[in-house]
All heavy atoms as atom14 arrays in JSON, in Angstrom:
{
  "sequence": "ERNAVVMGSLIITENGNYYNRIIWMRPDGTL",
  "atom14_mask": [
    [1, 1, 1, 1, 1, 1, 1, 1, 1, 0, 0, 0, 0, 0],
    [1, 1, 1, 1, 1, 1, 1, 1, 1, 1, 1, 0, 0, 0],
    [1, 1, 1, 1, 1, 1, 1, 1, 0, 0, 0, 0, 0, 0],
    [1, 1, 1, 1, 1, 0, 0, 0, 0, 0, 0, 0, 0, 0],
    [1, 1, 1, 1, 1, 1, 1, 0, 0, 0, 0, 0, 0, 0],
    [1, 1, 1, 1, 1, 1, 1, 0, 0, 0, 0, 0, 0, 0],
    [1, 1, 1, 1, 1, 1, 1, 1, 0, 0, 0, 0, 0, 0],
    [1, 1, 1, 1, 0, 0, 0, 0, 0, 0, 0, 0, 0, 0],
    [1, 1, 1, 1, 1, 1, 0, 0, 0, 0, 0, 0, 0, 0],
    [1, 1, 1, 1, 1, 1, 1, 1, 0, 0, 0, 0, 0, 0],
    [1, 1, 1, 1, 1, 1, 1, 1, 0, 0, 0, 0, 0, 0],
    [1, 1, 1, 1, 1, 1, 1, 1, 0, 0, 0, 0, 0, 0],
    [1, 1, 1, 1, 1, 1, 1, 0, 0, 0, 0, 0, 0, 0],
    [1, 1, 1, 1, 1, 1, 1, 1, 1, 0, 0, 0, 0, 0],
    [1, 1, 1, 1, 1, 1, 1, 1, 0, 0, 0, 0, 0, 0],
    [1, 1, 1, 1, 0, 0, 0, 0, 0, 0, 0, 0, 0, 0],
    [1, 1, 1, 1, 1, 1, 1, 1, 0, 0, 0, 0, 0, 0],
    [1, 1, 1, 1, 1, 1, 1, 1, 1, 1, 1, 1, 0, 0],
    [1, 1, 1, 1, 1, 1, 1, 1, 1, 1, 1, 1, 0, 0],
    [1, 1, 1, 1, 1, 1, 1, 1, 0, 0, 0, 0, 0, 0],
    [1, 1, 1, 1, 1, 1, 1, 1, 1, 1, 1, 0, 0, 0],
    [1, 1, 1, 1, 1, 1, 1, 1, 0, 0, 0, 0, 0, 0],
    [1, 1, 1, 1, 1, 1, 1, 1, 0, 0, 0, 0, 0, 0],
    [1, 1, 1, 1, 1, 1, 1, 1, 1, 1, 1, 1, 1, 1],
    [1, 1, 1, 1, 1, 1, 1, 1, 0, 0, 0, 0, 0, 0],
    [1, 1, 1, 1, 1, 1, 1, 1, 1, 1, 1, 0, 0, 0],
    [1, 1, 1, 1, 1, 1, 1, 0, 0, 0, 0, 0, 0, 0],
    [1, 1, 1, 1, 1, 1, 1, 1, 0, 0, 0, 0, 0, 0],
    [1, 1, 1, 1, 0, 0, 0, 0, 0, 0, 0, 0, 0, 0],
    [1, 1, 1, 1, 1, 1, 1, 0, 0, 0, 0, 0, 0, 0],
    [1, 1, 1, 1, 1, 1, 1, 1, 0, 0, 0, 0, 0, 0]
  ],
  "atom14_positions": [
    [[70.27, -17.54, 32.31], [69.74, -18.48, 31.34], [68.6, -19.21, 31.9], [67.64, -19.5, 31.16], [70.84, -19.46, 30.98], [71.96, -18.85, 30.05], [72.94, -19.89, 29.57], [72.71, -21.13, 29.84], [73.88, -19.54, 28.97], [0.0, 0.0, 0.0], [0.0, 0.0, 0.0], [0.0, 0.0, 0.0], [0.0, 0.0, 0.0], [0.0, 0.0, 0.0]],
    [[68.59, -19.66, 33.18], [67.51, -20.46, 33.73], [66.48, -19.69, 34.53], [65.5, -20.26, 34.98], [68.12, -21.58, 34.7], [68.95, -22.62, 33.98], [68.34, -23.17, 32.73], [66.96, -23.47, 32.93], [66.43, -24.71, 33.15], [67.28, -25.7, 33.22], [65.14, -24.87, 33.33], [0.0, 0.0, 0.0], [0.0, 0.0, 0.0], [0.0, 0.0, 0.0]],
    [[66.71, -18.31, 34.59], [65.78, -17.46, 35.35], [65.51, -18.02, 36.71], [64.34, -18.18, 37.16], [64.42, -17.33, 34.61], [63.6, -16.21, 35.22], [64.07, -15.23, 35.7], [62.3, -16.33, 35.16], [0.0, 0.0, 0.0], [0.0, 0.0, 0.0], [0.0, 0.0, 0.0], [0.0, 0.0, 0.0], [0.0, 0.0, 0.0], [0.0, 0.0, 0.0]],
    [[66.56, -18.42, 37.39], [66.59, -19.04, 38.73], [67.73, -18.57, 39.53], [68.77, -18.22, 38.94], [66.53, -20.56, 38.61], [0.0, 0.0, 0.0], [0.0, 0.0, 0.0], [0.0, 0.0, 0.0], [0.0, 0.0, 0.0], [0.0, 0.0, 0.0], [0.0, 0.0, 0.0], [0.0, 0.0, 0.0], [0.0, 0.0, 0.0], [0.0, 0.0, 0.0]],
    [[67.59, -18.56, 40.83], [68.74, -18.28, 41.7], [69.69, -19.5, 41.69], [69.23, -20.65, 41.74], [68.34, -18.03, 43.15], [69.56, -18.02, 44.15], [67.59, -16.72, 43.23], [0.0, 0.0, 0.0], [0.0, 0.0, 0.0], [0.0, 0.0, 0.0], [0.0, 0.0, 0.0], [0.0, 0.0, 0.0], [0.0, 0.0, 0.0], [0.0, 0.0, 0.0]],
    [[70.95, -19.29, 41.6], [72.02, -20.32, 41.59], [72.88, -20.08, 42.91], [73.32, -18.88, 43.06], [72.93, -20.29, 40.41], [74.04, -21.37, 40.56], [72.04, -20.56, 39.16], [0.0, 0.0, 0.0], [0.0, 0.0, 0.0], [0.0, 0.0, 0.0], [0.0, 0.0, 0.0], [0.0, 0.0, 0.0], [0.0, 0.0, 0.0], [0.0, 0.0, 0.0]],
    [[73.03, -21.06, 43.73], [73.82, -20.86, 44.93], [74.78, -22.03, 45.08], [74.57, -23.23, 44.7], [72.98, -20.76, 46.2], [72.17, -21.99, 46.51], [71.6, -22.05, 48.35], [73.13, -22.46, 49.1], [0.0, 0.0, 0.0], [0.0, 0.0, 0.0], [0.0, 0.0, 0.0], [0.0, 0.0, 0.0], [0.0, 0.0, 0.0], [0.0, 0.0, 0.0]],
    [[76.03, -21.77, 45.55], [77.03, -22.71, 45.85], [78.23, -22.03, 46.48], [78.22, -20.79, 46.41], [0.0, 0.0, 0.0], [0.0, 0.0, 0.0], [0.0, 0.0, 0.0], [0.0, 0.0, 0.0], [0.0, 0.0, 0.0], [0.0, 0.0, 0.0], [0.0, 0.0, 0.0], [0.0, 0.0, 0.0], [0.0, 0.0, 0.0], [0.0, 0.0, 0.0]],
    [[79.17, -22.75, 47.09], [80.33, -21.98, 47.64], [81.51, -22.23, 46.82], [81.67, -23.3, 46.15], [80.56, -22.45, 49.15], [81.42, -23.54, 49.29], [0.0, 0.0, 0.0], [0.0, 0.0, 0.0], [0.0, 0.0, 0.0], [0.0, 0.0, 0.0], [0.0, 0.0, 0.0], [0.0, 0.0, 0.0], [0.0, 0.0, 0.0], [0.0, 0.0, 0.0]],
    [[82.44, -21.25, 46.89], [83.76, -21.35, 46.21], [84.76, -20.58, 47.06], [84.42, -19.82, 48.0], [83.72, -20.88, 44.76], [83.22, -19.44, 44.51], [83.87, -18.95, 43.19], [81.72, -19.39, 44.39], [0.0, 0.0, 0.0], [0.0, 0.0, 0.0], [0.0, 0.0, 0.0], [0.0, 0.0, 0.0], [0.0, 0.0, 0.0], [0.0, 0.0, 0.0]],
    [[86.03, -20.77, 46.67], [87.13, -20.09, 47.43], [87.29, -18.67, 46.82], [87.59, -18.5, 45.67], [88.43, -20.86, 47.29], [88.24, -22.25, 47.76], [89.59, -20.2, 48.03], [89.46, -23.19, 47.5], [0.0, 0.0, 0.0], [0.0, 0.0, 0.0], [0.0, 0.0, 0.0], [0.0, 0.0, 0.0], [0.0, 0.0, 0.0], [0.0, 0.0, 0.0]],
    [[87.13, -17.69, 47.81], [87.13, -16.3, 47.33], [88.26, -15.61, 48.15], [88.34, -15.84, 49.25], [85.77, -15.59, 47.55], [84.73, -16.07, 46.61], [85.94, -14.04, 47.41], [84.93, -15.71, 45.15], [0.0, 0.0, 0.0], [0.0, 0.0, 0.0], [0.0, 0.0, 0.0], [0.0, 0.0, 0.0], [0.0, 0.0, 0.0], [0.0, 0.0, 0.0]],
    [[89.04, -14.68, 47.44], [90.01, -13.93, 48.1], [89.48, -12.43, 48.11], [88.99, -11.95, 47.11], [91.38, -13.95, 47.46], [92.29, -13.13, 48.14], [91.32, -13.56, 45.99], [0.0, 0.0, 0.0], [0.0, 0.0, 0.0], [0.0, 0.0, 0.0], [0.0, 0.0, 0.0], [0.0, 0.0, 0.0], [0.0, 0.0, 0.0], [0.0, 0.0, 0.0]],
    [[89.64, -11.75, 49.22], [89.11, -10.41, 49.42], [89.89, -9.75, 50.5], [90.0, -10.23, 51.62], [87.64, -10.42, 49.74], [86.96, -9.06, 49.64], [85.45, -9.25, 49.75], [84.98, -9.48, 50.86], [84.78, -9.11, 48.7], [0.0, 0.0, 0.0], [0.0, 0.0, 0.0], [0.0, 0.0, 0.0], [0.0, 0.0, 0.0], [0.0, 0.0, 0.0]],
    [[90.47, -8.59, 50.18], [91.22, -7.78, 51.27], [92.27, -8.62, 51.96], [92.51, -8.53, 53.16], [90.2, -7.28, 52.27], [89.22, -6.24, 51.68], [89.49, -5.55, 50.75], [88.0, -6.35, 52.14], [0.0, 0.0, 0.0], [0.0, 0.0, 0.0], [0.0, 0.0, 0.0], [0.0, 0.0, 0.0], [0.0, 0.0, 0.0], [0.0, 0.0, 0.0]],
    [[92.96, -9.46, 51.23], [94.01, -10.24, 51.71], [93.64, -11.47, 52.53], [94.5, -12.14, 53.04], [0.0, 0.0, 0.0], [0.0, 0.0, 0.0], [0.0, 0.0, 0.0], [0.0, 0.0, 0.0], [0.0, 0.0, 0.0], [0.0, 0.0, 0.0], [0.0, 0.0, 0.0], [0.0, 0.0, 0.0], [0.0, 0.0, 0.0], [0.0, 0.0, 0.0]],
    [[92.36, -11.85, 52.55], [91.88, -12.93, 53.26], [91.24, -13.89, 52.25], [90.89, -13.61, 51.11], [90.79, -12.54, 54.31], [91.36, -11.63, 55.4], [92.44, -11.89, 55.94], [90.64, -10.63, 55.71], [0.0, 0.0, 0.0], [0.0, 0.0, 0.0], [0.0, 0.0, 0.0], [0.0, 0.0, 0.0], [0.0, 0.0, 0.0], [0.0, 0.0, 0.0]],
    [[91.07, -15.22, 52.71], [90.45, -16.21, 51.97], [89.16, -16.7, 52.66], [89.17, -16.87, 53.9], [91.4, -17.46, 51.73], [92.63, -17.06, 50.92], [93.92, -16.96, 51.68], [92.65, -16.8, 49.66], [95.03, -16.63, 51.03], [93.83, -16.47, 48.99], [94.99, -16.38, 49.68], [96.13, -15.98, 49.0], [0.0, 0.0, 0.0], [0.0, 0.0, 0.0]],
    [[88.14, -16.86, 51.81], [86.8, -17.21, 52.41], [86.22, -18.48, 51.66], [86.45, -18.58, 50.52], [85.78, -16.06, 52.34], [86.24, -14.84, 53.08], [86.91, -13.85, 52.41], [85.95, -14.72, 54.37], [87.27, -12.68, 53.12], [86.37, -13.53, 55.11], [87.01, -12.53, 54.41], [87.42, -11.43, 55.14], [0.0, 0.0, 0.0], [0.0, 0.0, 0.0]],
    [[85.57, -19.32, 52.43], [84.7, -20.37, 51.86], [83.32, -19.73, 51.8], [82.58, -19.69, 52.71], [84.65, -21.61, 52.79], [83.86, -22.75, 52.19], [83.13, -22.6, 51.23], [84.06, -23.92, 52.88], [0.0, 0.0, 0.0], [0.0, 0.0, 0.0], [0.0, 0.0, 0.0], [0.0, 0.0, 0.0], [0.0, 0.0, 0.0], [0.0, 0.0, 0.0]],
    [[83.02, -19.15, 50.64], [81.9, -18.28, 50.51], [80.83, -18.77, 49.54], [81.04, -19.18, 48.46], [82.42, -16.94, 49.9], [81.33, -15.87, 49.57], [81.99, -14.54, 49.23], [82.63, -13.85, 50.29], [83.25, -12.74, 50.31], [83.3, -12.09, 49.15], [83.82, -12.27, 51.35], [0.0, 0.0, 0.0], [0.0, 0.0, 0.0], [0.0, 0.0, 0.0]],
    [[79.62, -18.75, 50.15], [78.42, -19.02, 49.4], [78.04, -17.74, 48.62], [78.03, -16.66, 49.12], [77.19, -19.29, 50.31], [77.29, -20.75, 50.85], [75.89, -19.21, 49.48], [76.11, -21.19, 51.74], [0.0, 0.0, 0.0], [0.0, 0.0, 0.0], [0.0, 0.0, 0.0], [0.0, 0.0, 0.0], [0.0, 0.0, 0.0], [0.0, 0.0, 0.0]],
    [[77.86, -17.98, 47.31], [77.36, -16.96, 46.41], [75.87, -17.2, 46.11], [75.53, -18.34, 45.72], [78.08, -16.88, 45.09], [79.6, -16.68, 45.36], [77.48, -15.82, 44.13], [79.95, -15.33, 46.03], [0.0, 0.0, 0.0], [0.0, 0.0, 0.0], [0.0, 0.0, 0.0], [0.0, 0.0, 0.0], [0.0, 0.0, 0.0], [0.0, 0.0, 0.0]],
    [[75.09, -16.24, 46.34], [73.55, -16.39, 46.1], [73.26, -15.48, 44.87], [73.17, -14.26, 45.03], [72.81, -15.9, 47.38], [71.33, -15.85, 47.2], [70.56, -14.84, 46.7], [70.44, -16.94, 47.45], [69.22, -15.19, 46.62], [69.05, -16.45, 47.13], [70.54, -18.17, 47.98], [67.97, -17.22, 47.39], [69.36, -18.99, 48.15], [68.14, -18.52, 47.91]],
    [[73.31, -16.09, 43.72], [73.23, -15.25, 42.45], [71.78, -15.23, 41.93], [71.16, -16.32, 41.63], [74.18, -15.92, 41.4], [74.2, -15.11, 40.11], [74.88, -13.46, 40.23], [76.61, -13.84, 40.51], [0.0, 0.0, 0.0], [0.0, 0.0, 0.0], [0.0, 0.0, 0.0], [0.0, 0.0, 0.0], [0.0, 0.0, 0.0], [0.0, 0.0, 0.0]],
    [[71.3, -14.09, 41.73], [69.92, -13.93, 41.2], [69.99, -13.74, 39.68], [70.95, -13.4, 39.04], [69.29, -12.62, 41.77], [69.19, -12.59, 43.3], [68.43, -11.35, 43.8], [68.37, -11.27, 45.25], [69.31, -10.66, 45.99], [70.36, -10.05, 45.43], [69.13, -10.63, 47.33], [0.0, 0.0, 0.0], [0.0, 0.0, 0.0], [0.0, 0.0, 0.0]],
    [[68.86, -14.08, 39.05], [68.77, -13.91, 37.59], [69.04, -12.6, 37.02], [69.5, -12.4, 35.95], [67.32, -14.34, 37.25], [66.85, -15.16, 38.34], [67.62, -14.58, 39.62], [0.0, 0.0, 0.0], [0.0, 0.0, 0.0], [0.0, 0.0, 0.0], [0.0, 0.0, 0.0], [0.0, 0.0, 0.0], [0.0, 0.0, 0.0], [0.0, 0.0, 0.0]],
    [[68.78, -11.45, 37.89], [69.06, -10.11, 37.42], [70.61, -9.71, 37.56], [70.92, -8.64, 37.26], [68.16, -9.17, 38.11], [68.46, -9.04, 39.59], [69.37, -9.66, 40.09], [67.73, -8.28, 40.3], [0.0, 0.0, 0.0], [0.0, 0.0, 0.0], [0.0, 0.0, 0.0], [0.0, 0.0, 0.0], [0.0, 0.0, 0.0], [0.0, 0.0, 0.0]],
    [[71.37, -10.66, 37.97], [72.81, -10.45, 38.13], [73.25, -9.83, 39.46], [74.41, -9.78, 39.81], [0.0, 0.0, 0.0], [0.0, 0.0, 0.0], [0.0, 0.0, 0.0], [0.0, 0.0, 0.0], [0.0, 0.0, 0.0], [0.0, 0.0, 0.0], [0.0, 0.0, 0.0], [0.0, 0.0, 0.0], [0.0, 0.0, 0.0], [0.0, 0.0, 0.0]],
    [[72.28, -9.54, 40.32], [72.65, -9.14, 41.65], [72.92, -10.31, 42.6], [72.44, -11.39, 42.23], [71.56, -8.24, 42.3], [70.43, -9.02, 42.49], [71.31, -7.06, 41.47], [0.0, 0.0, 0.0], [0.0, 0.0, 0.0], [0.0, 0.0, 0.0], [0.0, 0.0, 0.0], [0.0, 0.0, 0.0], [0.0, 0.0, 0.0], [0.0, 0.0, 0.0]],
    [[73.67, -10.17, 43.64], [74.05, -11.26, 44.49], [74.16, -10.87, 45.92], [74.33, -9.72, 46.27], [75.39, -11.96, 44.0], [76.65, -11.1, 44.04], [77.32, -11.08, 45.3], [77.61, -11.55, 42.96], [0.0, 0.0, 0.0], [0.0, 0.0, 0.0], [0.0, 0.0, 0.0], [0.0, 0.0, 0.0], [0.0, 0.0, 0.0], [0.0, 0.0, 0.0]]
  ]
}
């Protein structure tokens, strides 16, 4: 919507582990 990268961290679970993970989200949907 803003044609800008959005970044912040959230709690993510992956392969049985939990991470305090920064997501770097691009306008084209890749991260």
